């Protein structure tokens, strides 16, 4: 199997995933996946596409991710891995789509407006 290259985004995070057949190794920015994301919830989010498609331990995943925070990076990687699994086998798509893993989350940070402190917060109003 050749290398499958896919892209995932969430907020300001961008994840490039390179997936090959292997033993289930997860490498993120040159570090082990468990070392890069030590929280168990994040590790389970990363494994979610593999568990839904019964392909756990069949692929090695190499990820380059940048931008955003930890949660955004994890979800960007999850989207990219889901897209890669669909590229491997089209039959995985209905299971992943039913769980919402094939949809890019469009929510972004609202921009700051002029004349205000933040996007929605206003400067303090003084009546007198």
Protein backbone atom coordinates (compact mmCIF):
# COMPACT_ATOMS: atom_id res chain seq x y z
CA UNK A 1 0.00 0.00 0.00
CA UNK A 2 1.33 3.43 -0.91
CA UNK A 3 1.21 6.48 1.35
CA UNK A 4 -2.21 8.13 1.60
CA UNK A 5 -2.05 11.88 2.16
CA UNK A 6 -5.07 13.79 3.53
CA UNK A 7 -5.79 17.12 5.19
CA UNK A 8 -8.00 18.01 8.15
CA UNK A 9 -8.88 21.41 9.62
CA UNK A 10 -10.60 22.70 12.75
CA UNK A 11 -10.69 26.34 13.90
CA UNK A 12 -7.14 27.47 13.06
CA UNK A 13 -5.53 24.01 13.25
CA UNK A 14 -4.34 22.24 10.11
CA UNK A 15 -3.36 18.56 10.17
CA UNK A 16 -1.60 16.74 7.33
CA UNK A 17 -1.87 12.97 7.70
CA UNK A 18 0.33 10.41 5.92
CA UNK A 19 -1.11 6.92 6.41
CA UNK A 20 0.55 3.63 5.47
CA UNK A 21 -0.18 0.01 6.33
CA UNK A 22 1.59 -1.00 9.52
CA UNK A 23 1.14 -1.88 13.19
CA UNK A 24 -0.89 1.09 14.48
CA UNK A 25 1.89 3.54 15.33
CA UNK A 26 0.83 7.19 15.75
CA UNK A 27 3.54 9.82 15.19
CA UNK A 28 2.62 13.49 15.63
CA UNK A 29 5.20 16.15 14.73
CA UNK A 30 8.00 13.61 15.15
CA UNK A 31 6.83 12.52 18.61
CA UNK A 32 4.76 9.56 19.79
CA UNK A 33 1.00 10.21 19.85
CA UNK A 34 0.67 9.34 23.54
CA UNK A 35 3.50 11.74 24.37
CA UNK A 36 2.09 14.59 22.24
CA UNK A 37 -1.47 14.21 23.61
CA UNK A 38 -1.09 12.71 27.14
CA UNK A 39 -4.79 13.17 28.06
CA UNK A 40 -6.80 9.95 27.66
CA UNK A 41 -9.82 11.72 26.13
CA UNK A 42 -7.70 13.12 23.30
CA UNK A 43 -6.15 9.70 22.66
CA UNK A 44 -9.61 8.12 22.43
CA UNK A 45 -10.71 10.83 19.96
CA UNK A 46 -7.69 9.98 17.79
CA UNK A 47 -8.62 6.27 17.80
CA UNK A 48 -12.34 6.86 17.13
CA UNK A 49 -12.22 6.48 13.30
CA UNK A 50 -10.25 3.22 13.59
CA UNK A 51 -12.68 1.77 16.16
CA UNK A 52 -15.72 2.63 14.03
CA UNK A 53 -14.24 0.93 10.96
CA UNK A 54 -12.62 -2.04 12.80
CA UNK A 55 -9.17 -1.13 11.43
CA UNK A 56 -7.39 -0.59 14.75
CA UNK A 57 -3.71 -1.56 14.53
CA UNK A 58 -3.68 -1.92 10.73
CA UNK A 59 -2.21 1.47 9.76
CA UNK A 60 0.75 3.62 10.76
CA UNK A 61 -0.14 7.31 10.91
CA UNK A 62 2.37 10.14 10.57
CA UNK A 63 0.92 13.60 11.28
CA UNK A 64 2.15 17.15 10.82
CA UNK A 65 -0.14 19.50 12.73
CA UNK A 66 0.15 23.21 13.50
CA UNK A 67 -1.96 26.12 14.66
CA UNK A 68 -4.74 26.38 17.21
CA UNK A 69 -4.91 24.61 20.54
CA UNK A 70 -4.90 21.02 21.69
CA UNK A 71 -8.61 20.28 21.14
CA UNK A 72 -8.60 21.84 17.66
CA UNK A 73 -5.51 19.87 16.69
CA UNK A 74 -7.02 16.58 17.89
CA UNK A 75 -10.23 17.14 15.91
CA UNK A 76 -8.29 18.21 12.81
CA UNK A 77 -6.29 14.97 13.00
CA UNK A 78 -9.50 12.95 13.47
CA UNK A 79 -11.02 14.47 10.32
CA UNK A 80 -7.86 13.81 8.28
CA UNK A 81 -7.65 10.19 9.49
CA UNK A 82 -11.34 9.66 8.64
CA UNK A 83 -10.76 10.99 5.12
CA UNK A 84 -7.73 8.70 4.73
CA UNK A 85 -9.74 5.65 5.81
CA UNK A 86 -12.41 6.47 3.21
CA UNK A 87 -9.67 6.76 0.60
CA UNK A 88 -8.48 3.26 1.58
CA UNK A 89 -11.98 1.75 1.42
CA UNK A 90 -15.17 3.58 0.30
CA UNK A 91 -17.28 1.21 2.43
CA UNK A 92 -16.06 2.99 5.60
CA UNK A 93 -17.81 6.23 4.65
CA UNK A 94 -21.38 5.49 5.89
CA UNK A 95 -20.17 4.46 9.37
CA UNK A 96 -17.92 7.51 9.71
CA UNK A 97 -20.54 9.88 8.29
CA UNK A 98 -23.20 8.61 10.72
CA UNK A 99 -20.94 9.60 13.63
CA UNK A 100 -20.23 13.02 12.07
CA UNK A 101 -16.54 12.38 11.44
CA UNK A 102 -16.63 13.25 7.74
CA UNK A 103 -17.89 16.81 8.28
CA UNK A 104 -15.56 19.75 8.77
CA UNK A 105 -16.75 21.80 11.75
CA UNK A 106 -17.27 25.30 10.30
CA UNK A 107 -17.29 27.18 13.62
CA UNK A 108 -14.58 29.83 13.79
CA UNK A 109 -13.72 32.61 16.22
CA UNK A 110 -15.86 35.67 15.63
CA UNK A 111 -13.85 38.71 14.63
CA UNK A 112 -13.33 41.71 16.91
CA UNK A 113 -15.36 44.75 15.88
CA UNK A 114 -14.09 48.35 15.99
CA UNK A 115 -15.40 50.41 18.89
CA UNK A 116 -15.72 47.31 21.08
CA UNK A 117 -13.44 45.48 23.50
CA UNK A 118 -13.94 42.06 21.89
CA UNK A 119 -16.30 40.46 19.37
CA UNK A 120 -19.40 41.07 21.47
CA UNK A 121 -18.17 42.78 24.64
CA UNK A 122 -18.57 46.55 24.62
CA UNK A 123 -16.59 49.22 26.42
CA UNK A 124 -18.06 50.17 29.80
CA UNK A 125 -20.99 52.57 29.41
CA UNK A 126 -21.04 55.63 31.65
CA UNK A 127 -24.37 57.40 31.91
CA UNK A 128 -22.92 60.47 33.62
